[in-house]
C-alpha atoms as a PDB file:
ATOM      1  CA  MET A   1     127.871 120.225 -70.271  1.00  0.00           C
ATOM      2  CA  THR A   2     131.089 118.807 -68.916  1.00  0.00           C
ATOM      3  CA  LEU A   3     133.049 115.676 -69.609  1.00  0.00           C
ATOM      4  CA  THR A   4     135.304 114.073 -67.015  1.00  0.00           C
ATOM      5  CA  ILE A   5     137.945 111.605 -68.148  1.00  0.00           C
ATOM      6  CA  SER A   6     140.990 109.983 -66.609  1.00  0.00           C
ATOM      7  CA  ARG A   7     144.533 110.775 -67.665  1.00  0.00           C
ATOM      8  CA  THR A   8     144.716 107.330 -69.254  1.00  0.00           C
ATOM      9  CA  ASP A   9     141.538 107.954 -71.263  1.00  0.00           C
ATOM     10  CA  LEU A  10     142.886 111.341 -72.333  1.00  0.00           C
ATOM     11  CA  ALA A  11     145.929 109.619 -73.805  1.00  0.00           C
ATOM     12  CA  ARG A  12     143.630 107.321 -75.770  1.00  0.00           C
ATOM     13  CA  ARG A  13     140.901 109.858 -76.643  1.00  0.00           C
ATOM     14  CA  THR A  14     142.739 113.170 -77.060  1.00  0.00           C
ATOM     15  CA  ARG A  15     140.969 114.069 -80.298  1.00  0.00           C
ATOM     16  CA  ASP A  16     137.561 113.361 -78.747  1.00  0.00           C
ATOM     17  CA  ALA A  17     138.379 115.526 -75.710  1.00  0.00           C
ATOM     18  CA  ILE A  18     139.484 118.426 -77.916  1.00  0.00           C
ATOM     19  CA  GLU A  19     136.350 118.150 -80.042  1.00  0.00           C
ATOM     20  CA  HIS A  20     134.199 118.326 -76.900  1.00  0.00           C
ATOM     21  CA  ALA A  21     136.058 121.473 -75.816  1.00  0.00           C
ATOM     22  CA  GLN A  22     135.654 123.059 -79.258  1.00  0.00           C
ATOM     23  CA  ARG A  23     131.893 122.545 -78.929  1.00  0.00           C
ATOM     24  CA  GLY A  24     131.925 124.630 -75.752  1.00  0.00           C
ATOM     25  CA  GLU A  25     132.119 121.821 -73.221  1.00  0.00           C
ATOM     26  CA  THR A  26     134.648 121.753 -70.408  1.00  0.00           C
ATOM     27  CA  VAL A  27     136.698 118.565 -70.186  1.00  0.00           C
ATOM     28  CA  PHE A  28     138.067 117.767 -66.737  1.00  0.00           C
ATOM     29  CA  ILE A  29     141.069 115.468 -66.462  1.00  0.00           C
ATOM     30  CA  GLU A  30     141.153 113.302 -63.326  1.00  0.00           C
ATOM     31  CA  SER A  31     143.872 111.286 -61.700  1.00  0.00           C
ATOM     32  CA  TYR A  32     142.984 109.004 -58.780  1.00  0.00           C
ATOM     33  CA  GLY A  33     139.598 110.730 -58.491  1.00  0.00           C
ATOM     34  CA  ALA A  34     140.972 114.266 -58.182  1.00  0.00           C
ATOM     35  CA  GLU A  35     140.690 116.926 -60.880  1.00  0.00           C
ATOM     36  CA  GLN A  36     144.113 117.717 -62.306  1.00  0.00           C
ATOM     37  CA  ALA A  37     143.387 119.972 -65.276  1.00  0.00           C
ATOM     38  CA  ALA A  38     140.670 121.255 -67.568  1.00  0.00           C
ATOM     39  CA  ILE A  39     140.464 121.625 -71.332  1.00  0.00           C
ATOM     40  CA  VAL A  40     138.377 124.538 -72.600  1.00  0.00           C
ATOM     41  CA  ASP A  41     137.837 126.132 -75.989  1.00  0.00           C
ATOM     42  CA  ALA A  42     140.544 128.693 -76.851  1.00  0.00           C
ATOM     43  CA  ARG A  43     137.988 131.512 -77.171  1.00  0.00           C
ATOM     44  CA  ASP A  44     136.514 130.680 -73.762  1.00  0.00           C
ATOM     45  CA  TYR A  45     140.019 130.646 -72.264  1.00  0.00           C
ATOM     46  CA  ARG A  46     140.785 134.091 -73.677  1.00  0.00           C
ATOM     47  CA  LEU A  47     137.491 135.442 -72.324  1.00  0.00           C
ATOM     48  CA  LEU A  48     138.187 133.978 -68.877  1.00  0.00           C
ATOM     49  CA  ARG A  49     141.674 135.522 -68.830  1.00  0.00           C
ATOM     50  CA  ALA A  50     140.324 138.915 -69.933  1.00  0.00           C
ATOM     51  CA  VAL A  51     137.717 138.868 -67.161  1.00  0.00           C
ATOM     52  CA  ALA A  52     140.354 137.872 -64.591  1.00  0.00           C
ATOM     53  CA  VAL A  53     142.650 140.717 -65.679  1.00  0.00           C
ATOM     54  CA  PHE A  54     139.777 143.207 -65.666  1.00  0.00           C
ATOM     55  CA  GLN A  55     138.641 142.135 -62.192  1.00  0.00           C
ATOM     56  CA  SER A  56     142.176 142.373 -60.777  1.00  0.00           C
ATOM     57  CA  ARG A  57     142.664 146.022 -61.775  1.00  0.00           C
ATOM     58  CA  PRO A  58     142.494 148.651 -59.027  1.00  0.00           C
ATOM     59  CA  LEU A  59     139.487 150.930 -58.926  1.00  0.00           C
ATOM     60  CA  ALA A  60     139.664 153.985 -61.139  1.00  0.00           C
ATOM     61  CA  PRO A  61     139.730 157.300 -59.228  1.00  0.00           C
ATOM     62  CA  ALA A  62     136.291 158.242 -60.588  1.00  0.00           C
ATOM     63  CA  THR A  63     134.728 155.261 -58.809  1.00  0.00           C
ATOM     64  CA  ASP A  64     136.791 155.513 -55.612  1.00  0.00           C
ATOM     65  CA  PRO A  65     135.312 158.258 -53.387  1.00  0.00           C
ATOM     66  CA  THR A  66     138.466 158.427 -51.237  1.00  0.00           C
ATOM     67  CA  ALA A  67     140.824 158.990 -54.170  1.00  0.00           C
ATOM     68  CA  THR A  68     142.302 162.450 -54.725  1.00  0.00           C
ATOM     69  CA  PRO A  69     142.505 163.696 -58.331  1.00  0.00           C
ATOM     70  CA  GLN A  70     146.110 164.086 -59.421  1.00  0.00           C
ATOM     71  CA  GLY A  71     147.862 165.742 -62.321  1.00  0.00           C
ATOM     72  CA  LEU A  72     145.668 168.847 -62.631  1.00  0.00           C
ATOM     73  CA  SER A  73     146.168 172.170 -60.911  1.00  0.00           C
ATOM     74  CA  GLU A  74     144.042 175.272 -60.389  1.00  0.00           C
ATOM     75  CA  GLN A  75     146.470 177.379 -62.478  1.00  0.00           C
END
């Protein structure tokens, strides 16, 4: 579930917004009808960052058929 609140409401209901995020909900902060930011649980944030880092890594040579093995010789 998500909660959407205005920046003004966030100033008044910060504790409530944080409690929603700690329960696994995403809290979107709006200003003039446009999303400005999101509050998520710290564990969810760390998981999202880990997935983003993992997905941004280049393919390992074992999974890239065009890659040439390096560092080993026939000797």
